[in-house]
Amino acid sequence: MTIDRRKFFKSVAITGMTIIGVNATGANKKSSGDDDTEFHGILYDSSICIGCQACEKACAEAHGLPEPTAKPEVGVIRKTSENQRCVINAYETSQGEVYVRNQCMHCNEPACASACLTQAMYKTKEGPVIWREDKCMGCRYCMISCPFDVPKFEYGSTNPKIQKCDMCYDRIIKGEKPVCVETCGDALFFGTRRELVAEARRRIAEIPELYIDQIYGEHVAGGTGYLYLAPVDHKELGFDTRLQNSSYPALTKGFLYSVPSVFVLVPTLLLGIHEATKSRKSKEENHD
């Protein structure tokens, strides 16, 4: 199959400029009219969660995924997968059985977006980190870079996608709450990140005997869109407390400037070939 050379070089040029224009920290620049937009997120209170899995089922239904069948069980750690964007796990702790929800953390400065050469993994101005299929070249760098091991690739699909929680971004931009928050009674609280931190601190101050005086996600990995309140030390709930507080993309800034251009241009070249080939194939199909 021959490749449309004009389309090919146009794709390479556009992609190259995209890479050059990406902030080294991976955060997307806001336009001047978006300065008043705050990141939104979700506060999860594990002292309230009863492990009913209503959020899991609502998420699966909303995104066309199989209904979860496994139940939270102490000693069994369930992980997100290409078929499940969020999971509830049960832990036996010093305060009895406690449930914890796991999903994409929607980092303020996401490593996945920083590692993505085509901005397929994208931090929106509203807060959610989303995956854009039309821009993905299938490199899976987002999976390798995520400190929370969240993005999952559909290896068994003929048209594979990257699956992860997108915080129901399509609902947020319409002024609606994520489906998990709408479904859950009390354990999930949606709002701006500023509101979530204030709410978490209010709960800790009002019932200090119920919570440890920490908000997981407030600072870890540069801050995340999902924040957690817990009645016990986060180590007891499976959290990786070894993660640093500074953002992971910030660590790569010096490295990115020292990498030979060939390592950046090769993926760009491959994407250009992919786009040009796709365009050519589409033209041939229409001609037939």
Protein backbone atom coordinates (compact mmCIF):
# COMPACT_ATOMS: atom_id res chain seq x y z
CA MET A 1 0.00 0.00 0.00
CA THR A 2 1.41 3.43 -0.92
CA ILE A 3 1.24 6.27 1.55
CA ASP A 4 -0.12 9.73 0.78
CA ARG A 5 3.15 11.69 1.21
CA ARG A 6 1.42 15.04 1.76
CA LYS A 7 -0.75 13.57 4.49
CA PHE A 8 2.24 11.81 6.02
CA PHE A 9 4.46 14.88 6.34
CA LYS A 10 1.54 16.94 7.56
CA SER A 11 0.90 14.40 10.31
CA VAL A 12 4.57 14.34 11.30
CA ALA A 13 4.73 18.13 11.42
CA ILE A 14 1.56 18.48 13.48
CA THR A 15 2.59 15.78 15.91
CA GLY A 16 6.08 17.22 16.24
CA MET A 17 4.68 20.64 17.09
CA THR A 18 2.32 19.03 19.58
CA ILE A 19 5.23 17.40 21.39
CA ILE A 20 7.26 20.61 21.38
CA GLY A 21 4.27 22.51 22.76
CA VAL A 22 3.55 20.14 25.60
CA ASN A 23 4.47 21.48 29.02
CA ALA A 24 7.40 19.49 30.44
CA THR A 25 5.35 18.78 33.57
CA GLY A 26 2.52 17.28 31.53
CA ALA A 27 -0.08 19.77 32.71
CA ASN A 28 -2.13 21.36 29.93
CA LYS A 29 -1.99 25.12 29.68
CA LYS A 30 -5.25 26.98 30.22
CA SER A 31 -6.46 29.67 27.89
CA SER A 32 -6.83 33.20 29.29
CA GLY A 33 -10.59 32.67 29.61
CA ASP A 34 -10.15 29.59 31.78
CA ASP A 35 -8.19 31.17 34.63
CA ASP A 36 -11.15 30.92 36.99
CA THR A 37 -11.68 27.19 36.34
CA GLU A 38 -10.82 24.95 39.28
CA PHE A 39 -10.03 21.27 39.14
CA HIS A 40 -12.89 19.10 40.31
CA GLY A 41 -12.49 15.86 42.18
CA ILE A 42 -14.02 13.37 44.58
CA LEU A 43 -13.57 12.88 48.32
CA TYR A 44 -13.92 9.27 49.45
CA ASP A 45 -14.66 8.61 53.12
CA SER A 46 -13.72 5.02 53.94
CA SER A 47 -15.25 5.30 57.41
CA ILE A 48 -18.68 5.60 55.76
CA CYS A 49 -18.32 3.12 52.89
CA ILE A 50 -20.17 -0.18 53.53
CA GLY A 51 -18.74 -2.01 50.52
CA CYS A 52 -22.10 -2.31 48.75
CA GLN A 53 -20.44 -1.98 45.31
CA ALA A 54 -23.24 0.25 44.02
CA CYS A 55 -20.58 2.57 42.56
CA GLU A 56 -18.90 -0.35 40.76
CA LYS A 57 -22.15 -1.48 39.17
CA ALA A 58 -23.23 2.04 38.19
CA CYS A 59 -19.82 2.68 36.60
CA ALA A 60 -19.96 -0.57 34.62
CA GLU A 61 -23.45 0.18 33.32
CA ALA A 62 -22.60 3.77 32.39
CA HIS A 63 -19.54 2.76 30.39
CA GLY A 64 -20.78 -0.44 28.78
CA LEU A 65 -18.57 -2.77 30.84
CA PRO A 66 -19.44 -6.18 32.34
CA GLU A 67 -21.23 -6.08 35.68
CA PRO A 68 -18.81 -6.92 38.52
CA THR A 69 -19.34 -10.36 40.02
CA ALA A 70 -16.52 -10.63 42.59
CA LYS A 71 -17.21 -9.35 46.10
CA PRO A 72 -14.87 -7.43 48.43
CA GLU A 73 -13.10 -10.01 50.58
CA VAL A 74 -10.44 -9.53 53.24
CA GLY A 75 -7.15 -10.92 51.98
CA VAL A 76 -8.14 -10.68 48.30
CA ILE A 77 -6.92 -7.57 46.50
CA ARG A 78 -8.94 -6.76 43.42
CA LYS A 79 -7.43 -4.40 40.85
CA THR A 80 -8.89 -2.24 38.13
CA SER A 81 -8.76 -3.87 34.72
CA GLU A 82 -9.81 -3.40 31.10
CA ASN A 83 -13.27 -4.56 32.26
CA GLN A 84 -13.55 -2.59 35.47
CA ARG A 85 -12.68 1.05 36.10
CA CYS A 86 -13.16 1.04 39.86
CA VAL A 87 -13.03 -1.62 42.59
CA ILE A 88 -13.84 -1.87 46.29
CA ASN A 89 -11.48 -3.85 48.52
CA ALA A 90 -11.89 -4.95 52.14
CA TYR A 91 -9.11 -4.75 54.74
CA GLU A 92 -8.93 -6.10 58.28
CA THR A 93 -7.49 -3.21 60.30
CA SER A 94 -6.85 -2.17 63.88
CA GLN A 95 -10.34 -0.63 63.78
CA GLY A 96 -12.05 -3.66 62.25
CA GLU A 97 -13.02 -4.21 58.63
CA VAL A 98 -12.63 -1.14 56.44
CA TYR A 99 -13.45 -0.75 52.73
CA VAL A 100 -11.39 1.20 50.22
CA ARG A 101 -12.25 2.26 46.69
CA ASN A 102 -9.59 2.24 43.96
CA GLN A 103 -9.67 3.95 40.56
CA CYS A 104 -7.67 6.54 38.59
CA MET A 105 -6.40 9.21 40.99
CA HIS A 106 -6.64 12.05 38.42
CA CYS A 107 -3.34 13.62 39.44
CA ASN A 108 -2.94 17.39 39.32
CA GLU A 109 0.18 16.84 37.22
CA PRO A 110 -0.36 13.36 35.76
CA ALA A 111 2.67 11.29 34.82
CA CYS A 112 0.57 9.49 32.19
CA ALA A 113 -0.17 12.74 30.35
CA SER A 114 3.45 13.81 30.60
CA ALA A 115 4.60 10.51 29.09
CA CYS A 116 2.04 10.63 26.26
CA LEU A 117 3.70 11.91 23.09
CA THR A 118 0.43 12.75 21.32
CA GLN A 119 -1.69 14.11 24.21
CA ALA A 120 -4.03 11.14 23.93
CA MET A 121 -3.89 11.01 27.73
CA TYR A 122 -5.03 14.49 28.65
CA LYS A 123 -5.54 16.54 31.82
CA THR A 124 -8.68 18.61 31.27
CA LYS A 125 -9.13 22.08 32.74
CA GLU A 126 -12.06 20.70 34.76
CA GLY A 127 -9.80 18.18 36.50
CA PRO A 128 -10.45 14.68 35.09
CA VAL A 129 -7.65 12.94 33.22
CA ILE A 130 -9.17 11.43 30.08
CA TRP A 131 -7.97 9.19 27.25
CA ARG A 132 -8.65 10.35 23.66
CA GLU A 133 -8.82 7.41 21.28
CA ASP A 134 -8.35 9.43 18.10
CA LYS A 135 -4.94 10.66 19.27
CA CYS A 136 -3.56 7.40 20.69
CA MET A 137 -0.77 5.61 18.82
CA GLY A 138 -0.76 2.59 21.13
CA CYS A 139 2.67 3.11 22.73
CA ARG A 140 1.29 2.39 26.24
CA TYR A 141 3.80 4.77 27.88
CA CYS A 142 0.90 5.94 30.06
CA MET A 143 0.70 2.48 31.63
CA ILE A 144 4.41 2.39 32.43
CA SER A 145 4.56 5.90 33.87
CA CYS A 146 1.52 5.83 36.20
CA PRO A 147 2.69 5.56 39.84
CA PHE A 148 -0.72 4.11 40.76
CA ASP A 149 -0.75 1.42 38.03
CA VAL A 150 -4.12 2.54 36.66
CA PRO A 151 -4.36 2.61 32.81
CA LYS A 152 -5.20 -0.82 31.39
CA PHE A 153 -4.89 -1.97 27.76
CA GLU A 154 -7.47 -4.23 26.08
CA TYR A 155 -5.01 -6.87 24.87
CA GLY A 156 -7.76 -9.27 23.79
CA SER A 157 -9.60 -6.77 21.59
CA THR A 158 -9.21 -6.33 17.83
CA ASN A 159 -9.74 -2.61 18.43
CA PRO A 160 -7.96 -2.14 21.77
CA LYS A 161 -8.54 0.84 24.01
CA ILE A 162 -6.97 2.16 27.19
CA GLN A 163 -9.48 1.74 30.01
CA LYS A 164 -9.46 3.92 33.12
CA CYS A 165 -11.82 6.04 35.16
CA ASP A 166 -12.48 9.39 33.46
CA MET A 167 -14.56 10.71 36.38
CA CYS A 168 -17.53 10.73 33.99
CA TYR A 169 -16.08 13.75 32.20
CA ASP A 170 -19.00 13.82 29.76
CA ARG A 171 -21.34 14.37 32.71
CA ILE A 172 -19.15 16.96 34.44
CA ILE A 173 -19.02 19.26 31.42
CA LYS A 174 -22.84 19.18 31.41
CA GLY A 175 -22.96 20.24 35.06
CA GLU A 176 -23.77 16.76 36.37
CA LYS A 177 -22.07 14.64 39.01
CA PRO A 178 -20.10 11.48 38.19
CA VAL A 179 -22.41 8.46 38.16
CA CYS A 180 -20.60 6.85 41.12
CA VAL A 181 -21.20 9.95 43.28
CA GLU A 182 -24.82 10.16 42.20
CA THR A 183 -25.33 6.49 43.08
CA CYS A 184 -23.48 6.44 46.41
CA GLY A 185 -25.28 7.60 49.52
CA ASP A 186 -22.59 9.29 51.60
CA ALA A 187 -19.11 7.89 51.03
CA LEU A 188 -18.40 9.93 47.88
CA PHE A 189 -18.45 13.73 47.80
CA PHE A 190 -17.98 15.70 44.56
CA GLY A 191 -16.77 19.27 44.25
CA THR A 192 -13.82 21.50 43.47
CA ARG A 193 -10.56 20.33 44.96
CA ARG A 194 -10.58 23.34 47.28
CA GLU A 195 -14.03 22.33 48.55
CA LEU A 196 -12.94 18.72 49.03
CA VAL A 197 -9.93 19.64 51.15
CA ALA A 198 -12.05 21.99 53.25
CA GLU A 199 -14.74 19.31 53.73
CA ALA A 200 -12.15 16.72 54.70
CA ARG A 201 -10.57 19.02 57.27
CA ARG A 202 -14.01 19.89 58.66
CA ARG A 203 -14.83 16.22 59.21
CA ILE A 204 -11.48 15.55 60.86
CA ALA A 205 -11.91 18.56 63.18
CA GLU A 206 -15.50 17.67 64.12
CA ILE A 207 -14.89 13.95 64.78
CA PRO A 208 -11.15 13.61 65.53
CA GLU A 209 -11.67 10.24 67.21
CA LEU A 210 -13.00 8.77 63.94
CA TYR A 211 -10.29 9.87 61.49
CA ILE A 212 -6.54 9.94 61.31
CA ASP A 213 -5.38 13.51 60.74
CA GLN A 214 -4.31 12.96 57.13
CA ILE A 215 -5.91 13.45 53.71
CA TYR A 216 -4.43 10.97 51.27
CA GLY A 217 -4.02 12.67 47.90
CA GLU A 218 -3.69 16.19 49.24
CA HIS A 219 0.04 16.20 48.54
CA VAL A 220 1.08 12.76 47.29
CA ALA A 221 2.41 12.75 43.70
CA GLY A 222 1.89 16.49 43.54
CA GLY A 223 -1.75 16.21 44.62
CA THR A 224 -4.60 14.16 43.18
CA GLY A 225 -8.22 14.62 42.18
CA TYR A 226 -9.31 11.75 44.41
CA LEU A 227 -8.87 12.45 48.12
CA TYR A 228 -9.27 9.93 50.94
CA LEU A 229 -10.34 10.06 54.58
CA ALA A 230 -9.65 6.99 56.70
CA PRO A 231 -10.07 5.80 60.29
CA VAL A 232 -6.67 4.04 60.28
CA ASP A 233 -3.17 4.58 58.95
CA HIS A 234 -3.13 4.43 55.16
CA LYS A 235 -0.59 1.58 55.29
CA GLU A 236 -3.34 -0.62 56.75
CA LEU A 237 -5.48 0.06 53.69
CA GLY A 238 -3.02 -0.91 51.00
CA PHE A 239 -1.90 2.61 50.04
CA ASP A 240 1.64 2.98 48.78
CA THR A 241 2.98 5.41 51.37
CA ARG A 242 6.41 5.39 49.68
CA LEU A 243 5.18 7.66 46.89
CA GLN A 244 6.75 11.11 46.93
CA ASN A 245 4.84 14.34 47.44
CA SER A 246 6.32 16.21 44.47
CA SER A 247 4.82 15.43 41.08
CA TYR A 248 6.46 12.72 39.02
CA PRO A 249 6.52 14.72 35.76
CA ALA A 250 8.58 17.40 37.54
CA LEU A 251 11.36 14.84 37.98
CA THR A 252 11.57 14.24 34.25
CA LYS A 253 11.96 17.86 33.20
CA GLY A 254 15.76 17.78 33.13
CA PHE A 255 15.75 14.34 31.56
CA LEU A 256 13.48 15.42 28.70
CA TYR A 257 15.85 18.23 27.72
CA SER A 258 18.81 15.83 27.66
CA VAL A 259 17.20 13.07 25.57
CA PRO A 260 18.54 12.93 21.98
CA SER A 261 15.91 14.15 19.52
CA VAL A 262 15.84 10.80 17.74
CA PHE A 263 14.03 9.21 20.68
CA VAL A 264 11.30 11.82 20.44
CA LEU A 265 11.09 11.86 16.65
CA VAL A 266 10.84 8.09 16.16
CA PRO A 267 7.43 7.84 17.90
CA THR A 268 6.37 10.94 15.97
CA LEU A 269 7.43 9.29 12.73
CA LEU A 270 5.49 6.14 13.60
CA LEU A 271 2.38 8.16 14.36
CA GLY A 272 2.75 10.00 11.06
CA ILE A 273 2.90 6.70 9.21
CA HIS A 274 -0.14 5.46 11.13
CA GLU A 275 -2.19 8.57 10.34
CA ALA A 276 -1.20 8.63 6.69
CA THR A 277 -1.89 4.94 6.24
CA LYS A 278 -5.25 5.26 7.95
CA SER A 279 -6.19 8.15 5.67
CA ARG A 280 -5.12 6.22 2.55
CA LYS A 281 -7.09 3.14 3.61
CA SER A 282 -10.18 5.25 4.23
CA LYS A 283 -9.91 6.80 0.76
CA GLU A 284 -9.56 3.40 -0.88
CA GLU A 285 -12.59 2.04 0.96
CA ASN A 286 -14.68 5.03 -0.10
CA HIS A 287 -13.50 4.63 -3.68
CA ASP A 288 -14.53 0.96 -3.69
